[in-house]
């Protein structure tokens, strides 16, 4: 029975029945839940978020055809491992932006362009997204980022250099900034 179940994700994908593949990956901050679609990485759920809530969100917002298929996330897991080991400074993963849109998407795409080891203020990110005065909206876009770490919202700080918030908690934000040599 176990062998039949192990081949199920591959059969489901081959038959077009797998819209969202997910897997858990270890990180220095706890387990991350990664999800991908045929277009690319769509979700990185931080340890502070509930696994079941994330899977329910994916089923409701993308497709009910969500299946654990770790092999579909091998590339993402490999890049995250290298990043956490300090050996990767730029992710090369395809991104599926369907969980965001409008100004939030523009902010998140601006965040994705912040280089490793650098930071930007919420004002700078809002400006990059096309509305310099929408600083609070830029903060909201950071907080709703569906692909943290890969889309590095931890690199966005308050204008005076204060950390601001982070969905994974301030210790995680500090840890990521230390990893990158910013703090």
N, C-alpha and C. Protein backbone atom coordinates (compact mmCIF):
# COMPACT_ATOMS: atom_id res chain seq x y z
N UNK A 1 0.82 -1.20 0.00
CA UNK A 1 0.00 0.00 0.00
C UNK A 1 0.86 1.26 0.00
N UNK A 2 1.96 1.26 0.79
CA UNK A 2 2.80 2.44 0.87
C UNK A 2 3.40 2.79 -0.48
N UNK A 3 3.88 1.79 -1.26
CA UNK A 3 4.45 2.07 -2.57
C UNK A 3 3.42 2.70 -3.50
N UNK A 4 2.18 2.25 -3.43
CA UNK A 4 1.12 2.82 -4.26
C UNK A 4 0.90 4.28 -3.90
N UNK A 5 0.95 4.62 -2.61
CA UNK A 5 0.76 6.00 -2.19
C UNK A 5 1.93 6.89 -2.58
N UNK A 6 3.15 6.32 -2.56
CA UNK A 6 4.32 7.12 -2.91
C UNK A 6 4.27 7.57 -4.37
N UNK A 7 3.69 6.78 -5.25
CA UNK A 7 3.60 7.13 -6.65
C UNK A 7 2.41 8.02 -6.97
N UNK A 8 1.54 8.24 -6.01
CA UNK A 8 0.33 9.01 -6.25
C UNK A 8 0.59 10.45 -6.69
N UNK A 9 1.50 11.18 -6.03
CA UNK A 9 1.75 12.56 -6.49
C UNK A 9 2.21 12.61 -7.95
N UNK A 10 3.08 11.68 -8.34
CA UNK A 10 3.56 11.67 -9.73
C UNK A 10 2.42 11.36 -10.69
N UNK A 11 1.57 10.39 -10.34
CA UNK A 11 0.43 10.06 -11.19
C UNK A 11 -0.55 11.23 -11.27
N UNK A 12 -0.80 11.86 -10.12
CA UNK A 12 -1.72 13.00 -10.09
C UNK A 12 -1.20 14.13 -10.97
N UNK A 13 0.09 14.41 -10.90
CA UNK A 13 0.69 15.45 -11.73
C UNK A 13 0.61 15.08 -13.21
N UNK A 14 0.92 13.83 -13.53
CA UNK A 14 0.89 13.38 -14.92
C UNK A 14 -0.52 13.48 -15.51
N UNK A 15 -1.52 13.31 -14.68
CA UNK A 15 -2.89 13.35 -15.15
C UNK A 15 -3.52 14.74 -15.01
N UNK A 16 -2.70 15.74 -14.65
CA UNK A 16 -3.19 17.10 -14.53
C UNK A 16 -4.07 17.33 -13.32
N UNK A 17 -3.90 16.51 -12.29
CA UNK A 17 -4.74 16.61 -11.10
C UNK A 17 -4.04 17.25 -9.91
N UNK A 18 -2.82 17.72 -10.12
CA UNK A 18 -2.05 18.33 -9.04
C UNK A 18 -1.82 19.80 -9.39
N UNK A 19 -2.55 20.68 -8.72
CA UNK A 19 -2.41 22.12 -8.99
C UNK A 19 -1.42 22.77 -8.04
N UNK A 20 -1.36 22.28 -6.80
CA UNK A 20 -0.47 22.85 -5.79
C UNK A 20 0.25 21.70 -5.09
N UNK A 21 1.57 21.71 -5.18
CA UNK A 21 2.39 20.72 -4.47
C UNK A 21 2.99 21.43 -3.27
N UNK A 22 3.07 20.70 -2.14
CA UNK A 22 3.67 21.32 -0.96
C UNK A 22 4.61 20.35 -0.26
N UNK A 23 5.47 20.92 0.56
CA UNK A 23 6.40 20.13 1.37
C UNK A 23 6.87 20.99 2.52
N UNK A 24 7.26 20.34 3.59
CA UNK A 24 7.89 21.06 4.71
C UNK A 24 9.39 20.97 4.57
N UNK A 25 10.06 22.03 4.98
CA UNK A 25 11.51 22.07 4.95
C UNK A 25 11.99 22.65 6.28
N UNK A 26 13.06 22.12 6.78
CA UNK A 26 13.63 22.64 8.03
C UNK A 26 14.37 23.94 7.75
N UNK A 27 14.35 24.81 8.74
CA UNK A 27 15.11 26.05 8.68
C UNK A 27 15.66 26.31 10.07
N UNK A 28 16.61 27.22 10.20
CA UNK A 28 17.13 27.56 11.54
C UNK A 28 16.05 28.15 12.45
N UNK A 29 14.90 28.52 11.89
CA UNK A 29 13.84 29.16 12.66
C UNK A 29 12.65 28.24 12.90
N UNK A 30 12.74 27.00 12.42
CA UNK A 30 11.65 26.05 12.54
C UNK A 30 11.19 25.63 11.15
N UNK A 31 10.19 24.76 11.09
CA UNK A 31 9.75 24.25 9.79
C UNK A 31 9.03 25.31 8.95
N UNK A 32 9.35 25.31 7.67
CA UNK A 32 8.68 26.16 6.69
C UNK A 32 7.83 25.26 5.82
N UNK A 33 6.66 25.72 5.45
CA UNK A 33 5.84 24.99 4.50
C UNK A 33 5.97 25.71 3.16
N UNK A 34 6.44 25.00 2.14
CA UNK A 34 6.60 25.55 0.81
C UNK A 34 5.51 25.01 -0.09
N UNK A 35 5.02 25.83 -0.99
CA UNK A 35 4.02 25.38 -1.96
C UNK A 35 4.38 25.94 -3.33
N UNK A 36 4.15 25.11 -4.34
CA UNK A 36 4.44 25.51 -5.71
C UNK A 36 3.29 25.12 -6.63
N UNK A 37 3.19 25.87 -7.71
CA UNK A 37 2.25 25.55 -8.79
C UNK A 37 3.11 25.30 -10.03
N UNK A 38 2.50 24.94 -11.13
CA UNK A 38 3.31 24.80 -12.35
C UNK A 38 4.02 26.11 -12.77
N UNK A 39 3.54 27.25 -12.29
CA UNK A 39 4.16 28.54 -12.62
C UNK A 39 5.34 28.89 -11.73
N UNK A 40 5.39 28.33 -10.51
CA UNK A 40 6.49 28.64 -9.62
C UNK A 40 6.08 28.63 -8.16
N UNK A 41 7.03 29.01 -7.31
CA UNK A 41 6.80 29.05 -5.87
C UNK A 41 5.70 30.05 -5.57
N UNK A 42 4.68 29.60 -4.84
CA UNK A 42 3.52 30.44 -4.59
C UNK A 42 3.37 30.80 -3.11
N UNK A 43 3.98 30.01 -2.23
CA UNK A 43 3.80 30.25 -0.79
C UNK A 43 4.98 29.72 -0.01
N UNK A 44 5.46 30.52 0.94
CA UNK A 44 6.40 30.10 1.98
C UNK A 44 5.71 30.46 3.29
N UNK A 45 5.31 29.46 4.02
CA UNK A 45 4.63 29.70 5.29
C UNK A 45 5.64 29.56 6.42
N UNK A 46 5.76 30.62 7.20
CA UNK A 46 6.74 30.67 8.29
C UNK A 46 6.27 29.84 9.48
N UNK A 47 7.19 29.48 10.38
CA UNK A 47 6.82 28.64 11.54
C UNK A 47 5.70 29.22 12.40
N UNK A 48 5.54 30.54 12.40
CA UNK A 48 4.50 31.16 13.23
C UNK A 48 3.09 30.90 12.69
N UNK A 49 2.97 30.47 11.44
CA UNK A 49 1.67 30.22 10.83
C UNK A 49 1.29 28.75 10.97
N UNK A 50 0.02 28.48 11.06
CA UNK A 50 -0.46 27.10 11.17
C UNK A 50 -0.41 26.38 9.83
N UNK A 51 0.09 25.16 9.86
CA UNK A 51 0.19 24.33 8.66
C UNK A 51 -1.18 24.13 8.02
N UNK A 52 -2.16 23.74 8.83
CA UNK A 52 -3.50 23.45 8.29
C UNK A 52 -4.14 24.71 7.72
N UNK A 53 -3.95 25.84 8.40
CA UNK A 53 -4.50 27.10 7.89
C UNK A 53 -3.89 27.45 6.52
N UNK A 54 -2.60 27.22 6.38
CA UNK A 54 -1.94 27.49 5.10
C UNK A 54 -2.49 26.60 4.01
N UNK A 55 -2.65 25.31 4.30
CA UNK A 55 -3.17 24.38 3.30
C UNK A 55 -4.62 24.72 2.93
N UNK A 56 -5.40 25.13 3.92
CA UNK A 56 -6.79 25.54 3.64
C UNK A 56 -6.82 26.79 2.77
N UNK A 57 -5.91 27.74 3.05
CA UNK A 57 -5.83 28.96 2.23
C UNK A 57 -5.48 28.61 0.79
N UNK A 58 -4.51 27.72 0.60
CA UNK A 58 -4.12 27.32 -0.74
C UNK A 58 -5.28 26.65 -1.48
N UNK A 59 -6.00 25.79 -0.78
CA UNK A 59 -7.15 25.10 -1.39
C UNK A 59 -8.25 26.08 -1.76
N UNK A 60 -8.49 27.08 -0.91
CA UNK A 60 -9.55 28.04 -1.16
C UNK A 60 -9.18 29.07 -2.23
N UNK A 61 -7.93 29.51 -2.23
CA UNK A 61 -7.54 30.62 -3.11
C UNK A 61 -6.95 30.17 -4.44
N UNK A 62 -6.42 28.94 -4.51
CA UNK A 62 -5.81 28.48 -5.76
C UNK A 62 -6.58 27.29 -6.34
N UNK A 63 -6.63 26.21 -5.59
CA UNK A 63 -7.30 25.00 -6.08
C UNK A 63 -7.42 24.01 -4.94
N UNK A 64 -8.49 23.23 -4.90
CA UNK A 64 -8.59 22.18 -3.88
C UNK A 64 -7.65 21.01 -4.15
N UNK A 65 -7.01 21.02 -5.32
CA UNK A 65 -6.09 19.92 -5.67
C UNK A 65 -4.69 20.24 -5.14
N UNK A 66 -4.54 20.10 -3.83
CA UNK A 66 -3.31 20.37 -3.10
C UNK A 66 -2.80 19.04 -2.57
N UNK A 67 -1.55 18.73 -2.84
CA UNK A 67 -1.02 17.43 -2.46
C UNK A 67 0.43 17.56 -2.00
N UNK A 68 0.78 16.82 -0.98
CA UNK A 68 2.17 16.79 -0.53
C UNK A 68 3.00 16.06 -1.59
N UNK A 69 3.96 16.75 -2.14
CA UNK A 69 4.82 16.21 -3.19
C UNK A 69 6.20 16.84 -3.07
N UNK A 70 7.00 16.38 -2.09
CA UNK A 70 8.29 17.01 -1.79
C UNK A 70 9.23 17.11 -2.98
N UNK A 71 9.19 16.14 -3.88
CA UNK A 71 10.11 16.17 -5.01
C UNK A 71 9.87 17.37 -5.92
N UNK A 72 8.65 17.90 -5.94
CA UNK A 72 8.34 19.07 -6.76
C UNK A 72 8.97 20.33 -6.17
N UNK A 73 9.44 20.26 -4.93
CA UNK A 73 10.03 21.42 -4.27
C UNK A 73 11.51 21.23 -3.99
N UNK A 74 12.14 20.25 -4.63
CA UNK A 74 13.56 20.00 -4.40
C UNK A 74 14.42 21.22 -4.68
N UNK A 75 14.14 21.92 -5.78
CA UNK A 75 14.93 23.11 -6.12
C UNK A 75 14.80 24.20 -5.08
N UNK A 76 13.57 24.45 -4.64
CA UNK A 76 13.35 25.48 -3.62
C UNK A 76 14.01 25.08 -2.31
N UNK A 77 13.89 23.82 -1.94
CA UNK A 77 14.53 23.37 -0.69
C UNK A 77 16.04 23.50 -0.78
N UNK A 78 16.60 23.16 -1.93
CA UNK A 78 18.06 23.24 -2.11
C UNK A 78 18.51 24.71 -2.00
N UNK A 79 17.79 25.62 -2.66
CA UNK A 79 18.18 27.03 -2.60
C UNK A 79 18.04 27.60 -1.19
N UNK A 80 16.97 27.22 -0.49
CA UNK A 80 16.81 27.70 0.89
C UNK A 80 17.91 27.16 1.80
N UNK A 81 18.28 25.89 1.64
CA UNK A 81 19.38 25.32 2.43
C UNK A 81 20.67 26.11 2.19
N UNK A 82 20.97 26.39 0.92
CA UNK A 82 22.17 27.17 0.59
C UNK A 82 22.10 28.57 1.18
N UNK A 83 20.93 29.19 1.11
CA UNK A 83 20.74 30.52 1.68
C UNK A 83 21.03 30.49 3.18
N UNK A 84 20.41 29.55 3.90
CA UNK A 84 20.60 29.48 5.35
C UNK A 84 22.04 29.12 5.73
N UNK A 85 22.76 28.47 4.82
CA UNK A 85 24.17 28.16 5.06
C UNK A 85 25.09 29.33 4.67
N UNK A 86 24.51 30.43 4.20
CA UNK A 86 25.29 31.59 3.81
C UNK A 86 25.98 31.44 2.46
N UNK A 87 25.53 30.48 1.63
CA UNK A 87 26.17 30.20 0.35
C UNK A 87 25.36 30.66 -0.86
N UNK A 88 24.20 31.27 -0.63
CA UNK A 88 23.35 31.74 -1.73
C UNK A 88 22.90 33.15 -1.41
N UNK A 89 23.13 34.05 -2.34
CA UNK A 89 22.75 35.44 -2.11
C UNK A 89 21.62 35.90 -3.03
N UNK A 90 21.24 35.09 -3.99
CA UNK A 90 20.16 35.46 -4.90
C UNK A 90 19.38 34.21 -5.30
N UNK A 91 18.09 34.21 -5.01
CA UNK A 91 17.25 33.08 -5.38
C UNK A 91 16.98 33.12 -6.88
N UNK A 92 16.95 31.96 -7.49
CA UNK A 92 16.69 31.85 -8.93
C UNK A 92 15.38 31.12 -9.19
N UNK A 93 14.52 31.05 -8.20
CA UNK A 93 13.27 30.32 -8.31
C UNK A 93 12.24 31.11 -9.11
N UNK A 94 11.45 30.39 -9.90
CA UNK A 94 10.30 31.02 -10.55
C UNK A 94 9.27 31.32 -9.47
N UNK A 95 8.63 32.48 -9.58
CA UNK A 95 7.64 32.91 -8.60
C UNK A 95 6.26 32.95 -9.26
N UNK A 96 5.28 32.43 -8.57
CA UNK A 96 3.88 32.54 -8.98
C UNK A 96 3.25 33.60 -8.07
N UNK A 97 2.88 34.73 -8.63
CA UNK A 97 2.39 35.88 -7.87
C UNK A 97 0.88 35.86 -7.66
N UNK A 98 0.18 34.77 -7.91
CA UNK A 98 -1.28 34.80 -7.90
C UNK A 98 -1.93 35.05 -6.55
N UNK A 99 -1.21 34.95 -5.46
CA UNK A 99 -1.80 35.23 -4.14
C UNK A 99 -1.72 36.70 -3.76
N UNK A 100 -1.29 37.53 -4.69
CA UNK A 100 -1.21 38.95 -4.43
C UNK A 100 -1.64 39.70 -5.70
N UNK A 101 -1.87 40.99 -5.57
CA UNK A 101 -2.27 41.75 -6.75
C UNK A 101 -2.22 43.24 -6.48
N UNK A 102 -2.41 44.03 -7.54
CA UNK A 102 -2.47 45.48 -7.43
C UNK A 102 -1.21 46.08 -6.81
N UNK A 103 -1.43 47.08 -5.95
CA UNK A 103 -0.31 47.77 -5.31
C UNK A 103 0.52 46.81 -4.46
N UNK A 104 -0.13 45.89 -3.76
CA UNK A 104 0.62 44.93 -2.94
C UNK A 104 1.60 44.13 -3.80
N UNK A 105 1.14 43.71 -4.96
CA UNK A 105 2.01 42.95 -5.85
C UNK A 105 3.19 43.81 -6.30
N UNK A 106 2.93 45.07 -6.64
CA UNK A 106 4.03 45.95 -7.06
C UNK A 106 5.03 46.15 -5.93
N UNK A 107 4.54 46.29 -4.70
CA UNK A 107 5.43 46.42 -3.54
C UNK A 107 6.26 45.14 -3.39
N UNK A 108 5.61 43.99 -3.45
CA UNK A 108 6.32 42.73 -3.26
C UNK A 108 7.33 42.49 -4.37
N UNK A 109 7.02 42.90 -5.58
CA UNK A 109 7.99 42.78 -6.67
C UNK A 109 9.16 43.74 -6.45
N UNK A 110 8.90 44.92 -5.89
CA UNK A 110 9.99 45.85 -5.54
C UNK A 110 10.86 45.25 -4.44
N UNK A 111 10.23 44.61 -3.48
CA UNK A 111 10.98 43.95 -2.40
C UNK A 111 11.87 42.85 -2.97
N UNK A 112 11.36 42.11 -3.94
CA UNK A 112 12.12 41.02 -4.54
C UNK A 112 13.41 41.52 -5.20
N UNK A 113 13.46 42.81 -5.53
CA UNK A 113 14.65 43.38 -6.17
C UNK A 113 15.66 43.94 -5.16
N UNK A 114 15.36 43.93 -3.87
CA UNK A 114 16.31 44.43 -2.87
C UNK A 114 17.46 43.42 -2.79
N UNK A 115 18.69 43.86 -3.06
CA UNK A 115 19.81 42.92 -3.06
C UNK A 115 20.13 42.35 -1.66
N UNK A 116 20.71 41.19 -1.67
CA UNK A 116 21.19 40.53 -0.46
C UNK A 116 22.12 41.49 0.28
N UNK A 117 21.95 41.56 1.59
CA UNK A 117 22.82 42.40 2.40
C UNK A 117 22.48 43.87 2.39
N UNK A 118 21.39 44.25 1.73
CA UNK A 118 20.96 45.65 1.66
C UNK A 118 19.56 45.77 2.26
N UNK A 119 19.20 46.97 2.64
CA UNK A 119 17.85 47.22 3.15
C UNK A 119 17.25 48.41 2.42
N UNK A 120 15.93 48.53 2.54
CA UNK A 120 15.20 49.68 2.04
C UNK A 120 14.20 50.07 3.11
N UNK A 121 13.79 51.32 3.09
CA UNK A 121 12.75 51.78 4.01
C UNK A 121 11.39 51.50 3.38
N UNK A 122 10.35 51.55 4.20
CA UNK A 122 9.00 51.40 3.68
C UNK A 122 8.70 52.49 2.65
N UNK A 123 9.21 53.70 2.88
CA UNK A 123 9.01 54.81 1.94
C UNK A 123 9.67 54.50 0.60
N UNK A 124 10.90 54.00 0.64
CA UNK A 124 11.60 53.66 -0.61
C UNK A 124 10.87 52.56 -1.38
N UNK A 125 10.36 51.59 -0.66
CA UNK A 125 9.63 50.49 -1.32
C UNK A 125 8.33 51.02 -1.92
N UNK A 126 7.63 51.90 -1.18
CA UNK A 126 6.40 52.50 -1.72
C UNK A 126 6.71 53.30 -2.98
N UNK A 127 7.81 54.04 -2.97
CA UNK A 127 8.22 54.81 -4.15
C UNK A 127 8.51 53.87 -5.32
N UNK A 128 9.22 52.79 -5.07
CA UNK A 128 9.54 51.82 -6.13
C UNK A 128 8.28 51.19 -6.72
N UNK A 129 7.23 51.10 -5.90
CA UNK A 129 5.98 50.51 -6.35
C UNK A 129 5.06 51.53 -7.01
N UNK A 130 5.49 52.80 -7.03
CA UNK A 130 4.73 53.80 -7.75
C UNK A 130 3.92 54.78 -6.94
N UNK A 131 4.01 54.73 -5.60
CA UNK A 131 3.25 55.68 -4.78
C UNK A 131 4.02 55.95 -3.49
N UNK A 132 4.87 56.93 -3.53
CA UNK A 132 5.75 57.27 -2.40
C UNK A 132 4.98 57.57 -1.11
N UNK A 133 3.75 58.06 -1.24
CA UNK A 133 2.98 58.42 -0.04
C UNK A 133 2.24 57.23 0.57
N UNK A 134 2.25 56.09 -0.08
CA UNK A 134 1.51 54.92 0.41
C UNK A 134 2.39 54.06 1.31
N UNK A 135 3.00 54.70 2.30
CA UNK A 135 3.94 54.00 3.18
C UNK A 135 3.22 52.93 4.01
N UNK A 136 2.06 53.25 4.55
CA UNK A 136 1.31 52.25 5.34
C UNK A 136 0.87 51.08 4.47
N UNK A 137 0.44 51.39 3.26
CA UNK A 137 0.04 50.31 2.33
C UNK A 137 1.24 49.43 1.99
N UNK A 138 2.43 50.04 1.89
CA UNK A 138 3.64 49.26 1.65
C UNK A 138 3.92 48.34 2.84
N UNK A 139 3.70 48.85 4.05
CA UNK A 139 3.85 48.01 5.23
C UNK A 139 2.87 46.86 5.25
N UNK A 140 1.64 47.13 4.85
CA UNK A 140 0.63 46.08 4.76
C UNK A 140 1.03 45.03 3.72
N UNK A 141 1.59 45.49 2.61
CA UNK A 141 2.04 44.57 1.56
C UNK A 141 3.18 43.69 2.08
N UNK A 142 4.05 44.27 2.89
CA UNK A 142 5.12 43.46 3.50
C UNK A 142 4.51 42.40 4.39
N UNK A 143 3.55 42.81 5.21
CA UNK A 143 2.92 41.89 6.15
C UNK A 143 2.11 40.80 5.50
N UNK A 144 1.65 41.03 4.27
CA UNK A 144 0.85 40.02 3.58
C UNK A 144 1.66 39.27 2.51
N UNK A 145 2.95 39.44 2.51
CA UNK A 145 3.83 38.78 1.54
C UNK A 145 3.67 37.26 1.63
N UNK A 146 3.20 36.61 0.57
CA UNK A 146 3.00 35.16 0.63
C UNK A 146 4.29 34.35 0.47
N UNK A 147 5.39 35.02 0.13
CA UNK A 147 6.63 34.29 -0.15
C UNK A 147 7.80 34.91 0.62
N UNK A 148 7.67 35.03 1.96
CA UNK A 148 8.77 35.64 2.72
C UNK A 148 10.07 34.84 2.56
N UNK A 149 11.14 35.44 2.86
CA UNK A 149 12.52 34.98 2.72
C UNK A 149 12.94 35.06 1.25
N UNK A 150 12.23 34.38 0.36
CA UNK A 150 12.55 34.43 -1.06
C UNK A 150 12.23 35.83 -1.60
N UNK A 151 11.08 36.37 -1.23
CA UNK A 151 10.75 37.78 -1.47
C UNK A 151 11.05 38.44 -0.13
N UNK A 152 12.25 39.03 0.01
CA UNK A 152 12.85 39.34 1.31
C UNK A 152 12.28 40.55 2.05
N UNK A 153 11.05 40.44 2.52
CA UNK A 153 10.44 41.55 3.26
C UNK A 153 11.20 41.83 4.57
N UNK A 154 12.03 40.89 5.01
CA UNK A 154 12.86 41.16 6.20
C UNK A 154 13.87 42.27 5.94
N UNK A 155 14.11 42.61 4.68
CA UNK A 155 15.06 43.67 4.33
C UNK A 155 14.42 45.06 4.32
N UNK A 156 13.14 45.15 4.66
CA UNK A 156 12.45 46.44 4.70
C UNK A 156 12.39 46.91 6.15
N UNK A 157 12.92 48.11 6.37
CA UNK A 157 13.01 48.68 7.72
C UNK A 157 12.27 50.01 7.77
N UNK A 158 12.03 50.48 8.99
CA UNK A 158 11.46 51.81 9.16
C UNK A 158 12.48 52.85 8.73
N UNK A 159 12.01 54.05 8.44
CA UNK A 159 12.89 55.11 7.93
C UNK A 159 14.08 55.40 8.83
N UNK A 160 13.91 55.35 10.13
CA UNK A 160 15.01 55.60 11.05
C UNK A 160 15.92 54.41 11.26
N UNK A 161 15.66 53.31 10.57
CA UNK A 161 16.48 52.11 10.70
C UNK A 161 15.94 51.09 11.68
N UNK A 162 14.84 51.42 12.38
CA UNK A 162 14.24 50.44 13.29
C UNK A 162 13.70 49.26 12.48
N UNK A 163 13.65 48.11 13.11
CA UNK A 163 13.27 46.89 12.39
C UNK A 163 11.85 46.91 11.85
N UNK A 164 10.91 47.46 12.57
CA UNK A 164 9.51 47.35 12.16
C UNK A 164 9.00 45.97 12.50
N UNK A 165 7.95 45.54 11.88
CA UNK A 165 7.37 44.23 12.18
C UNK A 165 7.87 43.15 11.25
N UNK A 166 7.45 41.91 11.55
CA UNK A 166 7.76 40.77 10.69
C UNK A 166 6.83 39.63 11.04
N UNK A 167 6.26 39.00 10.03
CA UNK A 167 5.30 37.92 10.23
C UNK A 167 5.86 36.73 10.99
N UNK A 168 7.14 36.52 10.90
CA UNK A 168 7.78 35.42 11.61
C UNK A 168 8.26 35.81 12.99
N UNK A 169 8.02 37.07 13.38
CA UNK A 169 8.47 37.59 14.66
C UNK A 169 9.79 38.33 14.51
N UNK A 170 10.04 39.27 15.42
CA UNK A 170 11.27 40.07 15.35
C UNK A 170 12.54 39.24 15.51
N UNK A 171 12.57 38.20 16.37
CA UNK A 171 13.80 37.40 16.44
C UNK A 171 14.16 36.76 15.09
N UNK A 172 13.16 36.35 14.32
CA UNK A 172 13.44 35.77 13.01
C UNK A 172 13.96 36.84 12.05
N UNK A 173 13.34 38.03 12.07
CA UNK A 173 13.80 39.12 11.21
C UNK A 173 15.25 39.47 11.55
N UNK A 174 15.55 39.60 12.84
CA UNK A 174 16.93 39.88 13.27
C UNK A 174 17.87 38.78 12.80
N UNK A 175 17.44 37.52 12.94
CA UNK A 175 18.29 36.40 12.53
C UNK A 175 18.59 36.43 11.04
N UNK A 176 17.58 36.73 10.22
CA UNK A 176 17.79 36.82 8.77
C UNK A 176 18.71 37.98 8.42
N UNK A 177 18.54 39.11 9.08
CA UNK A 177 19.41 40.26 8.82
C UNK A 177 20.85 39.99 9.27
N UNK A 178 21.02 39.27 10.37
CA UNK A 178 22.38 38.89 10.81
C UNK A 178 23.00 37.92 9.82
N UNK A 179 22.21 36.96 9.34
CA UNK A 179 22.70 35.99 8.35
C UNK A 179 23.27 36.73 7.13
N UNK A 180 22.61 37.81 6.74
CA UNK A 180 23.01 38.56 5.56
C UNK A 180 24.08 39.63 5.88
N UNK A 181 24.50 39.71 7.14
CA UNK A 181 25.55 40.66 7.51
C UNK A 181 25.06 42.10 7.64
N UNK A 182 23.74 42.28 7.77
CA UNK A 182 23.19 43.64 7.88
C UNK A 182 23.25 44.11 9.33
N UNK A 183 23.02 43.22 10.26
CA UNK A 183 23.10 43.56 11.69
C UNK A 183 24.36 42.97 12.29
